[in-house]
Every structure is written in structure tokens, then in C-alpha cells.
Amino acid sequence: MLVGFALENANHHTNAEKKLKDKSLDLIALNDPSQQHSEFGGDSTQLTVFSHDRQPEVIPIGSKTYSARKLLELAADFLPEHPLSWSDQ
């Protein structure tokens, strides 16, 4: 599972989707620093998470800790239900 981050000032969705593809990521979390709640050094953020096979999902405005937990939960949804064990590889 590869998760990337995009900090975009313009063409937010287009640039995030391009990075998702160009970097062969599974997910990319877009942060728009022009939004009041997502400024550098601030305590809160809102993320939009892109994948190859789902519509973008918005993680609502919250603390950066909240956003990180939600991103991990979302990433976990993409993992196989029964992952291979080390011995299966």
C-alpha cells in the first residue's frame, strides 16, 4: 500500500490525480493550503483522498491527529481481508 500526499495551490483535483498515477500510488491525500482550516502550521486540516477505483472521499475538517487516523482507516479499507503471511510469499 503506497499513500502519497499532495499539497496543491491550483488545479487541486487534476494535479492530485496526476500524481496518483505518475507515482504509482494506491491513494493520495490532497491538502489545499489556501483553505483557512488547512494553512501551514495550523492545527486542523481537511483532506480529499483519491484512489484509482473509487470516487474521491473527503475527510472533514478536524485536528491533524483526527485526519491522520481517518486516513489510516481509509487506507485499511483497501487492504485485502486475508493478507498473505510471510510464509506465503
Protein backbone atom coordinates (compact mmCIF):
# COMPACT_ATOMS: atom_id res chain seq x y z
CA MET A 1 0.00 0.00 0.00
CA LEU A 2 1.53 3.29 -1.10
CA VAL A 3 -0.05 6.52 0.12
CA GLY A 4 1.16 9.92 -1.04
CA PHE A 5 0.35 13.48 -0.17
CA ALA A 6 -0.36 16.40 -2.49
CA LEU A 7 -0.17 19.99 -1.34
CA GLU A 8 -1.71 21.92 -4.21
CA ASN A 9 -2.35 25.62 -4.65
CA ALA A 10 -4.10 25.35 -8.03
CA ASN A 11 -5.82 22.69 -10.15
CA HIS A 12 -6.17 20.69 -6.95
CA HIS A 13 -8.01 17.60 -8.12
CA THR A 14 -6.31 17.40 -11.51
CA ASN A 15 -2.82 17.66 -10.02
CA ALA A 16 -3.59 15.15 -7.25
CA GLU A 17 -4.95 12.62 -9.74
CA LYS A 18 -1.89 13.10 -11.95
CA LYS A 19 0.45 12.46 -9.00
CA LEU A 20 -1.57 9.37 -8.04
CA LYS A 21 -0.98 7.92 -11.49
CA ASP A 22 2.56 9.21 -12.15
CA LYS A 23 3.91 7.94 -8.82
CA SER A 24 2.02 4.61 -8.99
CA LEU A 25 0.34 5.26 -5.63
CA ASP A 26 -2.67 3.44 -4.23
CA LEU A 27 -4.04 6.56 -2.52
CA ILE A 28 -3.17 10.23 -2.43
CA ALA A 29 -4.36 12.70 0.19
CA LEU A 30 -4.89 16.22 -1.13
CA ASN A 31 -4.42 19.20 1.15
CA ASP A 32 -5.41 22.66 -0.11
CA PRO A 33 -3.34 25.20 1.87
CA SER A 34 -5.43 28.09 0.56
CA GLN A 35 -8.33 26.96 2.74
CA GLN A 36 -8.44 28.74 6.09
CA HIS A 37 -8.63 25.47 8.01
CA SER A 38 -5.64 23.93 6.16
CA GLU A 39 -2.96 26.56 6.46
CA PHE A 40 0.67 25.70 7.17
CA GLY A 41 1.38 25.49 10.87
CA GLY A 42 -2.30 25.27 11.73
CA ASP A 43 -3.87 22.68 14.00
CA SER A 44 -6.62 21.49 11.65
CA THR A 45 -6.96 20.26 8.11
CA GLN A 46 -9.35 18.80 5.59
CA LEU A 47 -8.16 16.13 3.18
CA THR A 48 -9.58 14.78 -0.04
CA VAL A 49 -8.40 11.23 -0.71
CA PHE A 50 -8.13 9.91 -4.26
CA SER A 51 -7.74 6.33 -5.45
CA HIS A 52 -7.86 4.62 -8.82
CA ASP A 53 -11.21 2.90 -8.45
CA ARG A 54 -13.35 5.00 -6.10
CA GLN A 55 -14.76 8.47 -6.03
CA PRO A 56 -12.70 10.97 -4.01
CA GLU A 57 -13.50 10.86 -0.30
CA VAL A 58 -13.40 13.95 1.88
CA ILE A 59 -12.07 13.66 5.40
CA PRO A 60 -13.91 16.52 7.11
CA ILE A 61 -12.22 19.39 8.88
CA GLY A 62 -10.62 18.21 12.08
CA SER A 63 -7.39 18.11 14.00
CA LYS A 64 -4.38 16.75 12.18
CA THR A 65 -4.46 13.74 14.51
CA TYR A 66 -8.12 13.09 13.58
CA SER A 67 -7.28 13.42 9.88
CA ALA A 68 -4.33 11.02 10.19
CA ARG A 69 -6.50 8.41 11.93
CA LYS A 70 -9.21 8.73 9.29
CA LEU A 71 -6.64 8.41 6.51
CA LEU A 72 -5.27 5.23 8.11
CA GLU A 73 -8.80 3.82 8.42
CA LEU A 74 -9.47 4.60 4.78
CA ALA A 75 -6.17 3.02 3.69
CA ALA A 76 -7.00 -0.10 5.72
CA ASP A 77 -10.20 -0.47 3.69
CA PHE A 78 -8.02 -1.02 0.61
CA LEU A 79 -6.03 -3.87 2.16
CA PRO A 80 -7.03 -7.45 1.41
CA GLU A 81 -9.18 -9.09 4.05
CA HIS A 82 -6.81 -12.03 4.37
CA PRO A 83 -3.32 -10.76 3.58
CA LEU A 84 -0.61 -13.21 2.69
CA SER A 85 1.56 -14.33 5.56
CA TRP A 86 5.33 -14.05 5.26
CA SER A 87 5.50 -17.77 4.54
CA ASP A 88 3.13 -17.40 1.55
CA GLN A 89 5.47 -15.11 -0.36
